[in-house]
C-alpha cells in the first residue's frame, strides 16, 4: 500500500473516530458505535477507536463485546494501551464481574420463561438482572416489551426512558416510545401494535448482528463470534415468541398431544431443577463445613495469641454467626428458586446486620480476615442489588415513600450508585421534599460527575433552586 493511500485511510478512520467520540460525549452511544465500526472498517488497527467502542459497549451493558474489543485492541498494540487498564478494571473486580455474569444468565432464563408463556417469572428474572447490572439495555428493553404486551404502558414508558438516559439514540427504545405514546393517545391496546414493534426491533438488531459478523471476519477468530451466535439465538427466540401465532385450525387431537408434550417437558425440567438443587445444597453443606472448620481453627489460634483479650473471642463469635445466617439464606434462596419452599428475604437483611456488627479492626488472624472479606463481599453485593431493585420497582409504581426507603438503603451500601442517587432525588422531589431531593442530586454530581444522569440531575437541581 502506498504512503498516500495509507494517509487517506488513516484520515477516514480518524474522521469516523472523531464523530464517534462526539456522539459518545452526548450519550448517543448507538451513533457512536456505528461511527466507530466504520472507523475500524477503514483501519482495523485504530486502537483508539476500538478502545472507545469497548467503552460504549460496556456502558450499554454488553460486557462480553466490550471485553472482546479490548482484547483485540491489545493484540494490535500491546505497549501502553488503555485496553490494559480497562481489562484490569473489569477483570480485577470479581464481585462485579460475577454479578454481570449472573445478570446475563437471568436474562437468558427470562427468555426461556417468556418462551414458555411464564411472563410473570420472566419479569422477576429481568428485574434481578437489572438490579445486578443496571446498564443492561437488553434486559431493560425486554422488560419494557413484556410490560407493553401486558398493557402496563406507564411502567414500560419509564423503562424506555431509563434506556434513553443511557443511550439517547437507541433505535429500539425510540421505537417502543413512539408505540407507547401512540397507544396512550389513541387508547389502542398494545397487543394490536406489538407485532410492528417487534418487527422493527428485529430489523435493527439484525443489522447490528451483520456488522458484528463483518468485524469478526476482518479481525480473525475472537470472542465476538460467540457474541454473534448468542445474538442470533436471542433474535430467533424473540421472533418465534412474538411473531409465530398458533394456528386456530389445529385439531383437538393435535392440541391435546401438544399440551401433553409440554406437561411432560415441564415435569422433566422440574425434576432436573430439583436434582440440581439437591446437588447445590450438598455443595453448600460441604462449604459450610469447611468454613466452620476454618473458623474453629482461627478461634483456636486466637485463644493462644490473645488469651487475655476476651473481646476478640466475642468478635469471632459474631463472625461465626454472620456466616451461619448467610449460609442459611443461600440454601433458602436456592430452594425458593426451585419452588420447594418460600423465600425468606429477611435472612439476607439479618446476614447484613450480622456482618456489620463484626469489628474488622479486631480480626488479627489471616484466615478470619479472609472469611470476613468473602462474606462481606457476597452479602453486600446481594443486599445493595435487592434494595435497588425494590426501590426502582416501587418508584415505577408511584410508591415514592417506599422507593425512598429502599433507595436510601441501596445508597448506604453503595454510595456511588448513580442511578440509586438519581431516583432517590426523584422520589423525594415527587414527595415535595425539595431539601432531600437537592441533597441527593448534589451527591450524584459530586460522586459521579460523569454519570449519564448528571445532566438531568443538574437540570432538576437548578429548577429546585
Protein backbone atom coordinates (compact mmCIF):
# COMPACT_ATOMS: atom_id res chain seq x y z
CA UNK A 1 0.00 0.00 0.00
CA UNK A 2 1.37 3.41 -0.96
CA UNK A 3 2.03 6.05 1.66
CA UNK A 4 -0.61 8.31 0.08
CA UNK A 5 -3.30 5.62 0.27
CA UNK A 6 -2.43 4.84 3.87
CA UNK A 7 -2.70 8.52 4.81
CA UNK A 8 -6.12 8.67 3.14
CA UNK A 9 -7.32 5.55 5.00
CA UNK A 10 -5.93 6.90 8.28
CA UNK A 11 -7.73 10.21 7.72
CA UNK A 12 -11.06 8.44 7.05
CA UNK A 13 -10.64 6.26 10.13
CA UNK A 14 -9.73 9.27 12.29
CA UNK A 15 -12.72 11.24 10.97
CA UNK A 16 -15.16 8.48 11.91
CA UNK A 17 -13.43 8.11 15.28
CA UNK A 18 -13.90 11.81 16.00
CA UNK A 19 -17.57 11.60 15.02
CA UNK A 20 -17.97 8.58 17.32
CA UNK A 21 -16.26 10.47 20.14
CA UNK A 22 -18.62 13.43 19.73
CA UNK A 23 -21.63 11.10 19.85
CA UNK A 24 -20.29 9.34 22.96
CA UNK A 25 -19.87 12.67 24.76
CA UNK A 26 -23.63 13.38 24.46
CA UNK A 27 -24.65 9.78 25.35
CA UNK A 28 -25.58 8.92 21.75
CA UNK A 29 -23.97 5.52 22.19
CA UNK A 30 -25.78 3.85 19.29
CA UNK A 31 -24.49 6.51 16.92
CA UNK A 32 -21.03 6.30 18.46
CA UNK A 33 -20.93 2.52 17.96
CA UNK A 34 -21.88 2.84 14.29
CA UNK A 35 -19.23 5.52 13.60
CA UNK A 36 -16.55 3.57 15.45
CA UNK A 37 -17.35 0.44 13.46
CA UNK A 38 -16.88 2.45 10.27
CA UNK A 39 -13.60 3.77 11.65
CA UNK A 40 -12.42 0.18 12.15
CA UNK A 41 -13.61 -0.83 8.69
CA UNK A 42 -11.22 1.78 7.31
CA UNK A 43 -8.36 0.88 9.68
CA UNK A 44 -8.75 -2.14 11.92
CA UNK A 45 -5.56 -1.15 13.79
CA UNK A 46 -7.06 2.08 15.11
CA UNK A 47 -6.81 1.11 18.78
CA UNK A 48 -8.27 4.43 19.98
CA UNK A 49 -11.47 3.67 18.06
CA UNK A 50 -11.51 0.07 19.27
CA UNK A 51 -10.99 1.08 22.91
CA UNK A 52 -13.78 3.66 22.73
CA UNK A 53 -16.02 1.07 21.06
CA UNK A 54 -15.37 -1.21 24.04
CA UNK A 55 -16.35 1.59 26.44
CA UNK A 56 -19.59 2.20 24.51
CA UNK A 57 -20.42 -1.50 24.63
CA UNK A 58 -19.67 -1.58 28.36
CA UNK A 59 -21.91 1.43 29.01
CA UNK A 60 -24.82 -0.28 27.22
CA UNK A 61 -24.35 -3.45 29.25
CA UNK A 62 -22.69 -5.52 26.51
CA UNK A 63 -19.80 -6.67 28.72
CA UNK A 64 -18.71 -9.60 26.54
CA UNK A 65 -18.45 -7.43 23.42
CA UNK A 66 -16.56 -4.77 25.41
CA UNK A 67 -14.01 -7.31 26.61
CA UNK A 68 -13.69 -8.64 23.07
CA UNK A 69 -12.97 -5.17 21.69
CA UNK A 70 -10.27 -4.53 24.28
CA UNK A 71 -8.65 -7.94 23.77
CA UNK A 72 -8.40 -7.32 20.02
CA UNK A 73 -7.05 -3.80 20.68
CA UNK A 74 -4.36 -5.25 22.92
CA UNK A 75 -3.48 -7.73 20.17
CA UNK A 76 -2.73 -4.88 17.75
CA UNK A 77 -0.87 -2.73 20.29
CA UNK A 78 0.46 -4.39 23.43
CA UNK A 79 2.50 -1.40 24.68
CA UNK A 80 0.98 1.49 26.64
CA UNK A 81 -2.53 0.59 25.55
CA UNK A 82 -5.53 1.83 27.56
CA UNK A 83 -7.13 -1.53 26.86
CA UNK A 84 -4.87 -2.97 29.57
CA UNK A 85 -6.38 -0.58 32.11
CA UNK A 86 -9.96 -1.32 31.01
CA UNK A 87 -9.42 -5.09 31.12
CA UNK A 88 -7.79 -4.91 34.54
CA UNK A 89 -10.58 -2.66 35.85
CA UNK A 90 -13.26 -5.14 34.82
CA UNK A 91 -11.47 -8.42 35.42
CA UNK A 92 -9.88 -7.12 38.62
CA UNK A 93 -13.31 -6.80 40.25
CA UNK A 94 -14.51 -10.42 40.51
CA UNK A 95 -17.61 -9.50 42.53
CA UNK A 96 -18.88 -7.09 39.86
CA UNK A 97 -17.89 -9.45 37.05
CA UNK A 98 -19.77 -12.28 38.76
CA UNK A 99 -22.82 -10.03 39.13
CA UNK A 100 -22.72 -9.27 35.39
CA UNK A 101 -22.40 -12.98 34.61
CA UNK A 102 -25.41 -13.76 36.81
CA UNK A 103 -27.36 -10.94 35.17
CA UNK A 104 -26.71 -12.45 31.73
CA UNK A 105 -27.80 -15.88 32.99
CA UNK A 106 -31.01 -14.43 34.45
CA UNK A 107 -31.68 -12.64 31.16
CA UNK A 108 -31.32 -15.94 29.29
CA UNK A 109 -33.63 -17.65 31.80
CA UNK A 110 -36.13 -14.83 31.29
CA UNK A 111 -36.12 -15.53 27.54
CA UNK A 112 -36.81 -19.20 28.25
CA UNK A 113 -39.62 -18.32 30.66
CA UNK A 114 -41.14 -15.94 28.11
CA UNK A 115 -40.98 -18.72 25.52
CA UNK A 116 -42.89 -20.97 27.94
CA UNK A 117 -45.51 -18.27 28.48
CA UNK A 118 -44.34 -17.56 32.03
CA UNK A 119 -44.21 -13.80 31.66
CA UNK A 120 -44.53 -13.14 35.40
CA UNK A 121 -41.46 -15.27 36.13
CA UNK A 122 -39.60 -13.66 33.21
CA UNK A 123 -40.30 -10.22 34.68
CA UNK A 124 -38.90 -11.29 38.07
CA UNK A 125 -35.74 -12.64 36.41
CA UNK A 126 -35.31 -9.43 34.40
CA UNK A 127 -35.74 -7.23 37.49
CA UNK A 128 -32.98 -9.17 39.22
CA UNK A 129 -30.79 -8.93 36.11
CA UNK A 130 -31.23 -5.16 36.00
CA UNK A 131 -30.54 -4.82 39.74
CA UNK A 132 -27.26 -6.69 39.28
CA UNK A 133 -26.34 -4.92 36.04
CA UNK A 134 -28.20 -1.54 35.91
CA UNK A 135 -26.99 -0.60 32.40
CA UNK A 136 -28.08 -3.91 30.86
CA UNK A 137 -30.05 -2.40 27.97
CA UNK A 138 -31.14 -5.77 26.53
CA UNK A 139 -32.80 -6.67 29.85
CA UNK A 140 -34.41 -3.23 30.22
CA UNK A 141 -35.84 -3.39 26.70
CA UNK A 142 -37.21 -6.92 27.13
CA UNK A 143 -38.76 -5.88 30.44
CA UNK A 144 -40.31 -2.87 28.72
CA UNK A 145 -41.63 -5.05 25.90
CA UNK A 146 -43.24 -7.51 28.35
CA UNK A 147 -44.86 -4.54 30.11
CA UNK A 148 -46.15 -3.32 26.75
CA UNK A 149 -47.59 -6.75 25.98
CA UNK A 150 -49.31 -6.61 29.37
CA UNK A 151 -50.61 -3.09 28.53
CA UNK A 152 -48.76 -1.60 31.51
CA UNK A 153 -47.80 1.44 29.45
CA UNK A 154 -46.75 3.64 32.35
CA UNK A 155 -44.18 1.14 33.56
CA UNK A 156 -43.00 0.42 30.00
CA UNK A 157 -42.53 4.14 29.38
CA UNK A 158 -40.37 4.55 32.49
CA UNK A 159 -38.20 1.59 31.47
CA UNK A 160 -37.77 3.01 27.98
CA UNK A 161 -36.77 6.38 29.46
CA UNK A 162 -34.13 4.61 31.56
CA UNK A 163 -32.69 3.13 28.38
CA UNK A 164 -32.68 6.53 26.67
CA UNK A 165 -30.89 8.03 29.69
CA UNK A 166 -28.10 5.54 28.99
CA UNK A 167 -28.24 5.72 25.17
CA UNK A 168 -30.29 8.68 23.92
CA UNK A 169 -30.44 7.36 20.32
CA UNK A 170 -31.23 3.70 20.93
CA UNK A 171 -33.44 2.88 17.93
CA UNK A 172 -35.35 0.07 19.64
CA UNK A 173 -36.15 2.24 22.66
CA UNK A 174 -37.24 5.12 20.41
CA UNK A 175 -39.49 2.72 18.51
CA UNK A 176 -41.03 1.49 21.74
CA UNK A 177 -41.51 5.06 22.95
CA UNK A 178 -43.35 6.02 19.76
CA UNK A 179 -45.64 2.98 20.06
CA UNK A 180 -46.36 3.74 23.73
CA UNK A 181 -47.16 7.39 23.01
CA UNK A 182 -49.40 6.35 20.12
CA UNK A 183 -51.23 3.82 22.30
CA UNK A 184 -51.69 6.37 25.10
CA UNK A 185 -53.04 9.00 22.70
CA UNK A 186 -55.38 6.65 20.82
CA UNK A 187 -56.32 4.29 23.65
CA UNK A 188 -55.42 1.37 21.42
CA UNK A 189 -54.23 -1.78 23.22
CA UNK A 190 -50.55 -2.59 22.79
CA UNK A 191 -51.39 -6.14 21.74
CA UNK A 192 -52.53 -4.69 18.40
CA UNK A 193 -49.26 -2.88 17.75
CA UNK A 194 -46.70 -5.19 19.35
CA UNK A 195 -46.15 -7.09 16.09
CA UNK A 196 -44.95 -3.95 14.29
CA UNK A 197 -42.73 -3.04 17.26
CA UNK A 198 -41.06 -6.44 17.28
CA UNK A 199 -40.55 -6.45 13.50
CA UNK A 200 -38.86 -3.05 13.78
CA UNK A 201 -36.72 -4.28 16.70
CA UNK A 202 -35.79 -7.40 14.75
CA UNK A 203 -34.65 -5.37 11.74
CA UNK A 204 -32.45 -3.09 13.86
CA UNK A 205 -30.89 -5.99 15.75
CA UNK A 206 -30.26 -7.97 12.55
CA UNK A 207 -28.29 -5.11 11.06
CA UNK A 208 -26.20 -4.88 14.22
CA UNK A 209 -25.52 -8.61 14.10
CA UNK A 210 -24.37 -8.40 10.46
CA UNK A 211 -21.93 -5.63 11.40
CA UNK A 212 -20.52 -7.76 14.20
CA UNK A 213 -20.05 -10.68 11.84
CA UNK A 214 -18.15 -8.48 9.38
CA UNK A 215 -15.80 -7.31 12.12
CA UNK A 216 -15.17 -10.86 13.27
CA UNK A 217 -14.24 -11.96 9.75
CA UNK A 218 -11.99 -8.93 9.37
CA UNK A 219 -10.08 -9.36 12.63
CA UNK A 220 -9.84 -13.12 12.82
CA UNK A 221 -11.20 -15.53 15.46
CA UNK A 222 -12.09 -13.87 18.76
CA UNK A 223 -14.75 -13.75 21.42
CA UNK A 224 -17.09 -11.68 19.19
CA UNK A 225 -18.03 -14.80 17.22
CA UNK A 226 -19.56 -16.25 20.34
CA UNK A 227 -21.46 -12.99 20.91
CA UNK A 228 -22.82 -13.14 17.35
CA UNK A 229 -24.02 -16.69 17.93
CA UNK A 230 -25.81 -15.71 21.14
CA UNK A 231 -27.30 -12.61 19.47
CA UNK A 232 -28.62 -14.78 16.65
CA UNK A 233 -30.14 -17.19 19.15
CA UNK A 234 -31.82 -14.32 21.03
CA UNK A 235 -33.23 -12.92 17.79
CA UNK A 236 -34.57 -16.34 16.86
CA UNK A 237 -36.26 -16.80 20.20
CA UNK A 238 -37.79 -13.30 20.07
CA UNK A 239 -39.15 -13.80 16.55
CA UNK A 240 -40.68 -17.18 17.35
CA UNK A 241 -42.17 -15.98 20.64
CA UNK A 242 -43.75 -12.80 19.35
CA UNK A 243 -44.44 -13.45 15.66
CA UNK A 244 -45.37 -17.12 15.40
CA UNK A 245 -49.03 -17.29 16.35
CA UNK A 246 -50.56 -20.75 16.99
CA UNK A 247 -52.87 -21.73 14.17
CA UNK A 248 -56.59 -21.81 15.04
CA UNK A 249 -57.13 -24.68 12.63
CA UNK A 250 -55.30 -27.28 14.71
CA UNK A 251 -57.46 -30.24 15.55
CA UNK A 252 -58.41 -31.06 19.15
CA UNK A 253 -56.22 -34.16 18.97
CA UNK A 254 -53.09 -32.23 17.97
CA UNK A 255 -53.77 -29.62 20.65
CA UNK A 256 -54.14 -32.34 23.28
CA UNK A 257 -50.92 -34.05 22.20
CA UNK A 258 -49.08 -30.71 22.28
CA UNK A 259 -50.29 -29.99 25.81
CA UNK A 260 -49.32 -33.47 26.93
CA UNK A 261 -45.83 -32.99 25.50
CA UNK A 262 -45.48 -29.58 27.21
CA UNK A 263 -46.56 -31.11 30.52
CA UNK A 264 -44.01 -33.88 30.15
CA UNK A 265 -41.23 -31.44 29.29
CA UNK A 266 -42.13 -29.17 32.21
CA UNK A 267 -42.18 -32.13 34.57
CA UNK A 268 -38.75 -33.26 33.39
CA UNK A 269 -37.45 -29.71 33.77
CA UNK A 270 -38.83 -29.55 37.30
CA UNK A 271 -37.21 -32.87 38.21
CA UNK A 272 -33.92 -31.66 36.76
CA UNK A 273 -34.14 -28.48 38.83
CA UNK A 274 -34.82 -30.48 41.98
CA UNK A 275 -31.82 -32.71 41.24
CA UNK A 276 -29.65 -29.65 40.66
CA UNK A 277 -30.90 -28.11 43.90
CA UNK A 278 -30.07 -31.23 45.86
CA UNK A 279 -26.53 -31.15 44.48
CA UNK A 280 -26.21 -27.46 45.30
CA UNK A 281 -27.49 -27.98 48.84
CA UNK A 282 -24.96 -30.79 49.31
CA UNK A 283 -22.24 -28.48 47.98
CA UNK A 284 -23.36 -25.69 50.32
CA UNK A 285 -23.29 -28.10 53.23
CA UNK A 286 -19.73 -29.06 52.31
CA UNK A 287 -18.74 -25.39 52.00
CA UNK A 288 -20.36 -24.68 55.35
CA UNK A 289 -18.41 -27.47 56.99
CA UNK A 290 -15.17 -26.17 55.51
CA UNK A 291 -15.93 -22.63 56.67
CA UNK A 292 -16.83 -23.85 60.15
CA UNK A 293 -13.58 -25.79 60.37
CA UNK A 294 -11.64 -22.75 59.15
CA UNK A 295 -13.32 -20.52 61.72
CA UNK A 296 -12.84 -23.04 64.53
CA UNK A 297 -9.16 -23.24 63.66
CA UNK A 298 -8.94 -19.46 63.73
CA UNK A 299 -10.69 -19.35 67.10
CA UNK A 300 -8.23 -21.87 68.49
CA UNK A 301 -5.31 -19.78 67.32
CA UNK A 302 -6.69 -16.54 68.67
CA UNK A 303 -7.16 -18.13 72.09
CA UNK A 304 -3.43 -18.74 72.19
CA UNK A 305 -2.41 -15.47 70.59
CA UNK A 306 -4.72 -13.16 72.56
CA UNK A 307 -5.82 -15.16 75.55
CA UNK A 308 -6.16 -12.04 77.69
CA UNK A 309 -8.46 -10.26 75.21
CA UNK A 310 -11.96 -11.76 75.62
CA UNK A 311 -13.47 -9.11 73.32
CA UNK A 312 -11.61 -10.64 70.41
CA UNK A 313 -13.13 -14.07 71.00
CA UNK A 314 -16.58 -12.44 71.19
CA UNK A 315 -15.89 -10.72 67.87
CA UNK A 316 -15.06 -14.06 66.27
CA UNK A 317 -18.38 -15.45 67.50
CA UNK A 318 -20.13 -12.57 65.70
CA UNK A 319 -18.30 -13.54 62.51
CA UNK A 320 -19.32 -17.15 63.00
CA UNK A 321 -22.95 -16.11 63.48
CA UNK A 322 -22.86 -13.97 60.30
CA UNK A 323 -21.56 -16.97 58.37
CA UNK A 324 -24.36 -19.21 59.72
CA UNK A 325 -27.09 -16.73 58.82
CA UNK A 326 -25.74 -16.18 55.31
CA UNK A 327 -25.43 -19.89 54.55
CA UNK A 328 -28.99 -20.42 55.80
CA UNK A 329 -30.12 -17.63 53.47
CA UNK A 330 -28.21 -19.09 50.50
CA UNK A 331 -29.80 -22.54 50.96
CA UNK A 332 -33.25 -20.98 51.40
CA UNK A 333 -32.84 -18.93 48.21
CA UNK A 334 -31.87 -21.97 46.15
CA UNK A 335 -34.86 -23.87 47.49
CA UNK A 336 -37.16 -20.93 46.71
CA UNK A 337 -35.88 -20.69 43.13
CA UNK A 338 -36.81 -24.34 42.65
CA UNK A 339 -40.27 -23.76 44.16
CA UNK A 340 -39.64 -26.09 47.10
CA UNK A 341 -40.12 -23.51 49.85
CA UNK A 342 -40.97 -19.84 50.27
CA UNK A 343 -38.17 -17.27 50.02
CA UNK A 344 -37.27 -15.55 53.28
CA UNK A 345 -35.65 -12.27 52.26
CA UNK A 346 -35.39 -11.24 55.93
CA UNK A 347 -32.49 -13.70 56.20
CA UNK A 348 -30.37 -11.58 53.85
CA UNK A 349 -31.06 -8.47 55.91
CA UNK A 350 -30.16 -10.42 59.07
CA UNK A 351 -26.90 -11.54 57.47
CA UNK A 352 -26.09 -7.94 56.51
CA UNK A 353 -26.77 -6.76 60.07
CA UNK A 354 -24.65 -9.61 61.45
CA UNK A 355 -21.62 -8.88 59.26
CA UNK A 356 -21.95 -5.15 60.04
CA UNK A 357 -21.69 -5.97 63.76
CA UNK A 358 -18.22 -7.51 63.28
CA UNK A 359 -15.34 -5.22 64.23
CA UNK A 360 -12.91 -5.73 61.34
CA UNK A 361 -10.08 -3.98 63.22
CA UNK A 362 -10.05 -6.81 65.77
CA UNK A 363 -9.58 -9.56 63.15
CA UNK A 364 -5.85 -10.08 63.53
CA UNK A 365 -5.90 -13.64 62.20
CA UNK A 366 -5.36 -14.01 58.43
CA UNK A 367 -7.92 -16.80 57.92
CA UNK A 368 -10.59 -14.87 59.85
CA UNK A 369 -9.88 -11.74 57.81
CA UNK A 370 -10.21 -13.77 54.59
CA UNK A 371 -13.53 -15.23 55.78
CA UNK A 372 -14.82 -11.76 56.69
CA UNK A 373 -13.86 -10.34 53.27
CA UNK A 374 -15.59 -13.18 51.44
CA UNK A 375 -18.80 -12.91 53.48
CA UNK A 376 -18.85 -9.11 53.32
CA UNK A 377 -18.44 -9.06 49.52
CA UNK A 378 -21.10 -11.71 48.91
CA UNK A 379 -23.66 -10.29 51.34
CA UNK A 380 -23.29 -6.64 50.34
CA UNK A 381 -23.31 -7.39 46.60
CA UNK A 382 -26.73 -9.02 47.00
CA UNK A 383 -28.15 -6.61 49.59
CA UNK A 384 -27.42 -3.50 47.55
CA UNK A 385 -28.86 -5.13 44.42
CA UNK A 386 -32.06 -6.21 46.18
CA UNK A 387 -32.60 -2.81 47.81
CA UNK A 388 -32.01 -1.07 44.48
CA UNK A 389 -34.39 -3.40 42.60
CA UNK A 390 -37.15 -2.98 45.19
CA UNK A 391 -36.64 0.79 45.21
CA UNK A 392 -36.89 1.10 41.43
CA UNK A 393 -39.92 -1.20 41.37
CA UNK A 394 -41.67 0.97 43.98
CA UNK A 395 -40.72 4.13 42.06
CA UNK A 396 -42.11 2.74 38.79
CA UNK A 397 -45.39 2.02 40.60
CA UNK A 398 -45.60 5.53 42.03
CA UNK A 399 -44.97 4.40 45.63
CA UNK A 400 -42.42 7.12 46.30
CA UNK A 401 -42.17 6.78 50.09
CA UNK A 402 -41.36 3.08 49.77
CA UNK A 403 -38.97 3.82 46.90
CA UNK A 404 -37.10 6.38 49.02
CA UNK A 405 -36.83 3.91 51.90
CA UNK A 406 -35.28 1.16 49.74
CA UNK A 407 -33.08 3.50 47.70
CA UNK A 408 -31.71 5.06 50.92
CA UNK A 409 -30.54 1.56 51.86
CA UNK A 410 -29.09 0.97 48.38
CA UNK A 411 -27.05 4.19 48.66
CA UNK A 412 -25.97 3.26 52.19
CA UNK A 413 -24.44 0.02 50.89
CA UNK A 414 -23.21 1.50 47.58
CA UNK A 415 -22.58 5.27 47.94
CA UNK A 416 -21.54 5.73 44.28
CA UNK A 417 -24.61 4.08 42.72
CA UNK A 418 -25.52 6.95 40.37
CA UNK A 419 -28.91 5.52 39.40
CA UNK A 420 -29.91 4.97 43.03
CA UNK A 421 -28.88 8.55 43.88
CA UNK A 422 -30.78 9.97 40.90
CA UNK A 423 -34.03 8.09 41.55
CA UNK A 424 -33.75 8.81 45.26
CA UNK A 425 -33.70 12.51 44.37
CA UNK A 426 -36.65 11.96 42.01
CA UNK A 427 -38.57 10.14 44.76
CA UNK A 428 -38.11 12.97 47.25
CA UNK A 429 -38.97 15.53 44.58
CA UNK A 430 -42.22 13.64 43.89
CA UNK A 431 -42.89 13.73 47.66
CA UNK A 432 -42.36 17.54 47.59
CA UNK A 433 -39.39 17.14 49.93
CA UNK A 434 -37.16 19.52 47.97
CA UNK A 435 -34.47 19.70 50.63
CA UNK A 436 -33.68 15.98 50.40
CA UNK A 437 -34.14 15.99 46.62
CA UNK A 438 -31.48 18.71 46.34
CA UNK A 439 -29.21 16.78 48.71
CA UNK A 440 -29.19 13.63 46.57
CA UNK A 441 -28.92 15.42 43.24
CA UNK A 442 -25.85 17.22 44.63
CA UNK A 443 -24.40 13.94 45.93
CA UNK A 444 -24.83 12.44 42.46
CA UNK A 445 -22.95 15.34 40.83
CA UNK A 446 -20.18 15.19 43.47
CA UNK A 447 -19.67 11.43 43.48
CA UNK A 448 -20.46 10.57 39.87
CA UNK A 449 -19.77 13.68 37.73
CA UNK A 450 -19.54 11.61 34.52
CA UNK A 451 -22.79 9.74 35.09
CA UNK A 452 -25.36 9.60 32.31
CA UNK A 453 -27.83 11.02 34.85
CA UNK A 454 -25.65 14.04 35.70
CA UNK A 455 -27.22 16.35 33.11
CA UNK A 456 -30.77 15.50 34.20
CA UNK A 457 -29.81 15.88 37.87
CA UNK A 458 -28.26 19.29 37.16
CA UNK A 459 -31.42 20.48 35.38
CA UNK A 460 -33.65 19.33 38.23
CA UNK A 461 -31.30 20.87 40.77
CA UNK A 462 -31.40 24.23 39.00
CA UNK A 463 -35.21 24.15 38.80
CA UNK A 464 -35.48 23.36 42.52
CA UNK A 465 -33.06 26.12 43.49
